[in-house]
Amino acid sequence: FIALHGRYGEDGAVQGALELLGIPYTGSGVM
């Protein structure tokens, strides 16, 4: 559950890492 705000949490960075780890996450995708 992504409760991060701003850079590295809301900008696709952590989303990309979770994609690579294969862990489903809340909210929008990388792009």
All heavy atoms as atom14 arrays in JSON, in Angstrom:
{
  "sequence": "FIALHGRYGEDGAVQGALELLGIPYTGSGVM",
  "atom14_mask": [
    [1, 1, 1, 1, 1, 1, 1, 1, 1, 1, 1, 0, 0, 0],
    [1, 1, 1, 1, 1, 1, 1, 1, 0, 0, 0, 0, 0, 0],
    [1, 1, 1, 1, 1, 0, 0, 0, 0, 0, 0, 0, 0, 0],
    [1, 1, 1, 1, 1, 1, 1, 1, 0, 0, 0, 0, 0, 0],
    [1, 1, 1, 1, 1, 1, 1, 1, 1, 1, 0, 0, 0, 0],
    [1, 1, 1, 1, 0, 0, 0, 0, 0, 0, 0, 0, 0, 0],
    [1, 1, 1, 1, 1, 1, 1, 1, 1, 1, 1, 0, 0, 0],
    [1, 1, 1, 1, 1, 1, 1, 1, 1, 1, 1, 1, 0, 0],
    [1, 1, 1, 1, 0, 0, 0, 0, 0, 0, 0, 0, 0, 0],
    [1, 1, 1, 1, 1, 1, 1, 1, 1, 0, 0, 0, 0, 0],
    [1, 1, 1, 1, 1, 1, 1, 1, 0, 0, 0, 0, 0, 0],
    [1, 1, 1, 1, 0, 0, 0, 0, 0, 0, 0, 0, 0, 0],
    [1, 1, 1, 1, 1, 0, 0, 0, 0, 0, 0, 0, 0, 0],
    [1, 1, 1, 1, 1, 1, 1, 0, 0, 0, 0, 0, 0, 0],
    [1, 1, 1, 1, 1, 1, 1, 1, 1, 0, 0, 0, 0, 0],
    [1, 1, 1, 1, 0, 0, 0, 0, 0, 0, 0, 0, 0, 0],
    [1, 1, 1, 1, 1, 0, 0, 0, 0, 0, 0, 0, 0, 0],
    [1, 1, 1, 1, 1, 1, 1, 1, 0, 0, 0, 0, 0, 0],
    [1, 1, 1, 1, 1, 1, 1, 1, 1, 0, 0, 0, 0, 0],
    [1, 1, 1, 1, 1, 1, 1, 1, 0, 0, 0, 0, 0, 0],
    [1, 1, 1, 1, 1, 1, 1, 1, 0, 0, 0, 0, 0, 0],
    [1, 1, 1, 1, 0, 0, 0, 0, 0, 0, 0, 0, 0, 0],
    [1, 1, 1, 1, 1, 1, 1, 1, 0, 0, 0, 0, 0, 0],
    [1, 1, 1, 1, 1, 1, 1, 0, 0, 0, 0, 0, 0, 0],
    [1, 1, 1, 1, 1, 1, 1, 1, 1, 1, 1, 1, 0, 0],
    [1, 1, 1, 1, 1, 1, 1, 0, 0, 0, 0, 0, 0, 0],
    [1, 1, 1, 1, 0, 0, 0, 0, 0, 0, 0, 0, 0, 0],
    [1, 1, 1, 1, 1, 1, 0, 0, 0, 0, 0, 0, 0, 0],
    [1, 1, 1, 1, 0, 0, 0, 0, 0, 0, 0, 0, 0, 0],
    [1, 1, 1, 1, 1, 1, 1, 0, 0, 0, 0, 0, 0, 0],
    [1, 1, 1, 1, 1, 1, 1, 1, 0, 0, 0, 0, 0, 0]
  ],
  "atom14_positions": [
    [[0.88, -1.17, 0.0], [0.0, 0.0, 0.0], [0.92, 1.22, 0.0], [1.65, 1.45, 0.96], [-0.91, 0.01, 1.24], [-2.02, 1.03, 1.16], [-3.34, 0.63, 1.13], [-1.74, 2.39, 1.13], [-4.37, 1.55, 1.05], [-2.76, 3.33, 1.05], [-4.08, 2.91, 1.02], [0.0, 0.0, 0.0], [0.0, 0.0, 0.0], [0.0, 0.0, 0.0]],
    [[0.89, 1.98, -1.08], [1.8, 3.13, -1.2], [1.18, 4.34, -0.52], [0.2, 4.92, -1.01], [2.1, 3.43, -2.68], [2.82, 2.23, -3.32], [2.97, 4.69, -2.79], [3.1, 2.4, -4.8], [0.0, 0.0, 0.0], [0.0, 0.0, 0.0], [0.0, 0.0, 0.0], [0.0, 0.0, 0.0], [0.0, 0.0, 0.0], [0.0, 0.0, 0.0]],
    [[1.74, 4.71, 0.63], [1.35, 5.93, 1.33], [2.49, 6.95, 1.28], [2.59, 7.82, 2.14], [0.96, 5.62, 2.77], [0.0, 0.0, 0.0], [0.0, 0.0, 0.0], [0.0, 0.0, 0.0], [0.0, 0.0, 0.0], [0.0, 0.0, 0.0], [0.0, 0.0, 0.0], [0.0, 0.0, 0.0], [0.0, 0.0, 0.0], [0.0, 0.0, 0.0]],
    [[3.34, 6.8, 0.28], [4.43, 7.75, 0.04], [3.89, 8.92, -0.77], [3.0, 8.76, -1.6], [5.56, 7.07, -0.73], [6.23, 5.89, -0.04], [7.07, 5.09, -1.03], [7.11, 6.39, 1.12], [0.0, 0.0, 0.0], [0.0, 0.0, 0.0], [0.0, 0.0, 0.0], [0.0, 0.0, 0.0], [0.0, 0.0, 0.0], [0.0, 0.0, 0.0]],
    [[4.44, 10.11, -0.53], [4.05, 11.3, -1.29], [5.3, 11.93, -1.9], [6.39, 11.9, -1.32], [3.36, 12.32, -0.4], [2.19, 11.78, 0.37], [1.23, 10.98, -0.2], [1.84, 11.93, 1.68], [0.33, 10.67, 0.71], [0.68, 11.21, 1.86], [0.0, 0.0, 0.0], [0.0, 0.0, 0.0], [0.0, 0.0, 0.0], [0.0, 0.0, 0.0]],
    [[5.14, 12.51, -3.08], [6.25, 13.24, -3.67], [7.24, 12.33, -4.39], [6.94, 11.21, -4.77], [0.0, 0.0, 0.0], [0.0, 0.0, 0.0], [0.0, 0.0, 0.0], [0.0, 0.0, 0.0], [0.0, 0.0, 0.0], [0.0, 0.0, 0.0], [0.0, 0.0, 0.0], [0.0, 0.0, 0.0], [0.0, 0.0, 0.0], [0.0, 0.0, 0.0]],
    [[8.43, 12.84, -4.54], [9.46, 12.14, -5.32], [9.82, 10.8, -4.69], [9.81, 10.64, -3.47], [10.71, 13.01, -5.42], [10.46, 14.26, -6.24], [11.75, 14.97, -6.51], [11.48, 16.33, -6.96], [12.39, 17.11, -7.51], [13.61, 16.66, -7.68], [12.08, 18.32, -7.89], [0.0, 0.0, 0.0], [0.0, 0.0, 0.0], [0.0, 0.0, 0.0]],
    [[10.16, 9.89, -5.56], [10.58, 8.52, -5.21], [9.42, 7.67, -4.67], [9.61, 6.49, -4.42], [11.74, 8.53, -4.2], [12.84, 9.47, -4.57], [13.11, 10.6, -3.79], [13.59, 9.28, -5.72], [14.11, 11.5, -4.14], [14.59, 10.17, -6.08], [14.85, 11.27, -5.29], [15.83, 12.17, -5.64], [0.0, 0.0, 0.0], [0.0, 0.0, 0.0]],
    [[8.24, 8.27, -4.5], [7.12, 7.5, -4.0], [5.86, 7.66, -4.84], [5.03, 6.77, -4.9], [0.0, 0.0, 0.0], [0.0, 0.0, 0.0], [0.0, 0.0, 0.0], [0.0, 0.0, 0.0], [0.0, 0.0, 0.0], [0.0, 0.0, 0.0], [0.0, 0.0, 0.0], [0.0, 0.0, 0.0], [0.0, 0.0, 0.0], [0.0, 0.0, 0.0]],
    [[5.76, 8.82, -5.49], [4.56, 9.13, -6.26], [4.9, 9.39, -7.72], [4.03, 9.72, -8.51], [3.9, 10.38, -5.63], [2.48, 10.62, -6.03], [1.81, 11.73, -5.22], [2.42, 12.23, -4.25], [0.67, 12.09, -5.57], [0.0, 0.0, 0.0], [0.0, 0.0, 0.0], [0.0, 0.0, 0.0], [0.0, 0.0, 0.0], [0.0, 0.0, 0.0]],
    [[6.17, 9.24, -8.09], [6.63, 9.66, -9.41], [6.99, 8.5, -10.34], [7.63, 8.7, -11.37], [7.84, 10.59, -9.27], [9.02, 9.92, -8.59], [8.9, 8.74, -8.18], [10.08, 10.57, -8.47], [0.0, 0.0, 0.0], [0.0, 0.0, 0.0], [0.0, 0.0, 0.0], [0.0, 0.0, 0.0], [0.0, 0.0, 0.0], [0.0, 0.0, 0.0]],
    [[6.6, 7.29, -9.98], [6.9, 6.13, -10.81], [8.13, 5.36, -10.38], [8.34, 4.23, -10.82], [0.0, 0.0, 0.0], [0.0, 0.0, 0.0], [0.0, 0.0, 0.0], [0.0, 0.0, 0.0], [0.0, 0.0, 0.0], [0.0, 0.0, 0.0], [0.0, 0.0, 0.0], [0.0, 0.0, 0.0], [0.0, 0.0, 0.0], [0.0, 0.0, 0.0]],
    [[8.96, 5.95, -9.5], [10.2, 5.28, -9.1], [9.92, 4.02, -8.29], [10.39, 2.92, -8.63], [11.08, 6.25, -8.31], [0.0, 0.0, 0.0], [0.0, 0.0, 0.0], [0.0, 0.0, 0.0], [0.0, 0.0, 0.0], [0.0, 0.0, 0.0], [0.0, 0.0, 0.0], [0.0, 0.0, 0.0], [0.0, 0.0, 0.0], [0.0, 0.0, 0.0]],
    [[9.17, 4.15, -7.2], [8.89, 2.96, -6.37], [7.96, 2.01, -7.11], [8.04, 0.78, -6.95], [8.33, 3.38, -4.99], [6.87, 3.79, -5.07], [8.48, 2.24, -3.98], [0.0, 0.0, 0.0], [0.0, 0.0, 0.0], [0.0, 0.0, 0.0], [0.0, 0.0, 0.0], [0.0, 0.0, 0.0], [0.0, 0.0, 0.0], [0.0, 0.0, 0.0]],
    [[7.1, 2.57, -7.96], [6.21, 1.71, -8.76], [7.03, 0.8, -9.67], [6.73, -0.39, -9.83], [5.24, 2.57, -9.57], [4.16, 3.27, -8.77], [4.61, 4.52, -8.04], [5.73, 4.98, -8.21], [3.73, 5.09, -7.24], [0.0, 0.0, 0.0], [0.0, 0.0, 0.0], [0.0, 0.0, 0.0], [0.0, 0.0, 0.0], [0.0, 0.0, 0.0]],
    [[8.08, 1.36, -10.29], [8.94, 0.55, -11.15], [9.66, -0.54, -10.38], [9.78, -1.68, -10.85], [0.0, 0.0, 0.0], [0.0, 0.0, 0.0], [0.0, 0.0, 0.0], [0.0, 0.0, 0.0], [0.0, 0.0, 0.0], [0.0, 0.0, 0.0], [0.0, 0.0, 0.0], [0.0, 0.0, 0.0], [0.0, 0.0, 0.0], [0.0, 0.0, 0.0]],
    [[10.11, -0.21, -9.17], [10.78, -1.21, -8.34], [9.83, -2.35, -7.97], [10.19, -3.53, -8.01], [11.34, -0.55, -7.07], [0.0, 0.0, 0.0], [0.0, 0.0, 0.0], [0.0, 0.0, 0.0], [0.0, 0.0, 0.0], [0.0, 0.0, 0.0], [0.0, 0.0, 0.0], [0.0, 0.0, 0.0], [0.0, 0.0, 0.0], [0.0, 0.0, 0.0]],
    [[8.59, -1.99, -7.64], [7.61, -3.02, -7.27], [7.23, -3.87, -8.47], [6.96, -5.07, -8.33], [6.37, -2.36, -6.65], [6.62, -1.71, -5.29], [5.43, -0.85, -4.88], [6.92, -2.75, -4.21], [0.0, 0.0, 0.0], [0.0, 0.0, 0.0], [0.0, 0.0, 0.0], [0.0, 0.0, 0.0], [0.0, 0.0, 0.0], [0.0, 0.0, 0.0]],
    [[7.23, -3.27, -9.67], [7.0, -4.06, -10.88], [8.08, -5.13, -11.02], [7.79, -6.3, -11.32], [7.0, -3.16, -12.12], [5.81, -2.24, -12.25], [4.53, -2.93, -12.67], [4.61, -4.01, -13.29], [3.45, -2.4, -12.37], [0.0, 0.0, 0.0], [0.0, 0.0, 0.0], [0.0, 0.0, 0.0], [0.0, 0.0, 0.0], [0.0, 0.0, 0.0]],
    [[9.33, -4.74, -10.82], [10.43, -5.69, -10.95], [10.37, -6.77, -9.87], [10.73, -7.93, -10.12], [11.77, -4.95, -10.86], [12.12, -4.09, -12.08], [13.33, -3.22, -11.79], [12.38, -4.97, -13.3], [0.0, 0.0, 0.0], [0.0, 0.0, 0.0], [0.0, 0.0, 0.0], [0.0, 0.0, 0.0], [0.0, 0.0, 0.0], [0.0, 0.0, 0.0]],
    [[9.9, -6.4, -8.69], [9.78, -7.36, -7.61], [8.54, -8.24, -7.74], [8.42, -9.25, -7.06], [9.74, -6.64, -6.26], [11.05, -5.93, -5.85], [10.8, -5.03, -4.64], [12.14, -6.95, -5.53], [0.0, 0.0, 0.0], [0.0, 0.0, 0.0], [0.0, 0.0, 0.0], [0.0, 0.0, 0.0], [0.0, 0.0, 0.0], [0.0, 0.0, 0.0]],
    [[7.62, -7.81, -8.62], [6.38, -8.58, -8.8], [5.42, -8.46, -7.65], [4.62, -9.38, -7.4], [0.0, 0.0, 0.0], [0.0, 0.0, 0.0], [0.0, 0.0, 0.0], [0.0, 0.0, 0.0], [0.0, 0.0, 0.0], [0.0, 0.0, 0.0], [0.0, 0.0, 0.0], [0.0, 0.0, 0.0], [0.0, 0.0, 0.0], [0.0, 0.0, 0.0]],
    [[5.45, -7.33, -6.93], [4.57, -7.12, -5.77], [3.48, -6.12, -6.14], [3.78, -4.95, -6.39], [5.37, -6.61, -4.55], [6.41, -7.66, -4.14], [4.44, -6.28, -3.39], [7.36, -7.19, -3.04], [0.0, 0.0, 0.0], [0.0, 0.0, 0.0], [0.0, 0.0, 0.0], [0.0, 0.0, 0.0], [0.0, 0.0, 0.0], [0.0, 0.0, 0.0]],
    [[2.22, -6.55, -6.23], [1.13, -5.63, -6.57], [1.05, -4.46, -5.58], [1.27, -4.64, -4.38], [-0.12, -6.5, -6.48], [0.38, -7.9, -6.66], [1.73, -7.93, -6.03], [0.0, 0.0, 0.0], [0.0, 0.0, 0.0], [0.0, 0.0, 0.0], [0.0, 0.0, 0.0], [0.0, 0.0, 0.0], [0.0, 0.0, 0.0], [0.0, 0.0, 0.0]],
    [[0.72, -3.29, -6.11], [0.71, -2.08, -5.29], [-0.52, -1.24, -5.6], [-1.14, -1.37, -6.66], [1.98, -1.26, -5.54], [2.24, -0.95, -7.0], [1.76, 0.22, -7.59], [2.96, -1.83, -7.81], [2.0, 0.51, -8.93], [3.2, -1.55, -9.14], [2.71, -0.38, -9.7], [2.93, -0.1, -11.03], [0.0, 0.0, 0.0], [0.0, 0.0, 0.0]],
    [[-0.85, -0.37, -4.67], [-2.01, 0.51, -4.83], [-1.65, 1.69, -5.73], [-0.51, 2.09, -5.84], [-2.47, 1.05, -3.47], [-1.35, 1.69, -2.82], [-2.99, -0.06, -2.59], [0.0, 0.0, 0.0], [0.0, 0.0, 0.0], [0.0, 0.0, 0.0], [0.0, 0.0, 0.0], [0.0, 0.0, 0.0], [0.0, 0.0, 0.0], [0.0, 0.0, 0.0]],
    [[-2.68, 2.22, -6.37], [-2.51, 3.45, -7.15], [-2.06, 3.21, -8.56], [-2.05, 2.07, -9.07], [0.0, 0.0, 0.0], [0.0, 0.0, 0.0], [0.0, 0.0, 0.0], [0.0, 0.0, 0.0], [0.0, 0.0, 0.0], [0.0, 0.0, 0.0], [0.0, 0.0, 0.0], [0.0, 0.0, 0.0], [0.0, 0.0, 0.0], [0.0, 0.0, 0.0]],
    [[-1.67, 4.3, -9.22], [-1.34, 4.27, -10.63], [-0.03, 3.56, -10.91], [0.83, 3.43, -10.02], [-1.28, 5.71, -11.17], [-2.57, 6.28, -11.22], [0.0, 0.0, 0.0], [0.0, 0.0, 0.0], [0.0, 0.0, 0.0], [0.0, 0.0, 0.0], [0.0, 0.0, 0.0], [0.0, 0.0, 0.0], [0.0, 0.0, 0.0], [0.0, 0.0, 0.0]],
    [[0.13, 3.15, -12.16], [1.33, 2.48, -12.61], [2.48, 3.43, -12.85], [2.42, 4.63, -12.54], [0.0, 0.0, 0.0], [0.0, 0.0, 0.0], [0.0, 0.0, 0.0], [0.0, 0.0, 0.0], [0.0, 0.0, 0.0], [0.0, 0.0, 0.0], [0.0, 0.0, 0.0], [0.0, 0.0, 0.0], [0.0, 0.0, 0.0], [0.0, 0.0, 0.0]],
    [[3.54, 2.92, -13.46], [4.79, 3.67, -13.62], [4.59, 4.92, -14.47], [4.92, 6.04, -14.04], [5.87, 2.77, -14.24], [7.15, 3.57, -14.48], [6.15, 1.56, -13.35], [0.0, 0.0, 0.0], [0.0, 0.0, 0.0], [0.0, 0.0, 0.0], [0.0, 0.0, 0.0], [0.0, 0.0, 0.0], [0.0, 0.0, 0.0], [0.0, 0.0, 0.0]],
    [[4.04, 4.77, -15.66], [3.93, 5.91, -16.56], [2.97, 6.97, -16.05], [3.29, 8.17, -16.04], [3.5, 5.46, -17.95], [3.48, 6.6, -18.97], [3.09, 6.07, -20.64], [1.34, 5.68, -20.46], [0.0, 0.0, 0.0], [0.0, 0.0, 0.0], [0.0, 0.0, 0.0], [0.0, 0.0, 0.0], [0.0, 0.0, 0.0], [0.0, 0.0, 0.0]]
  ]
}
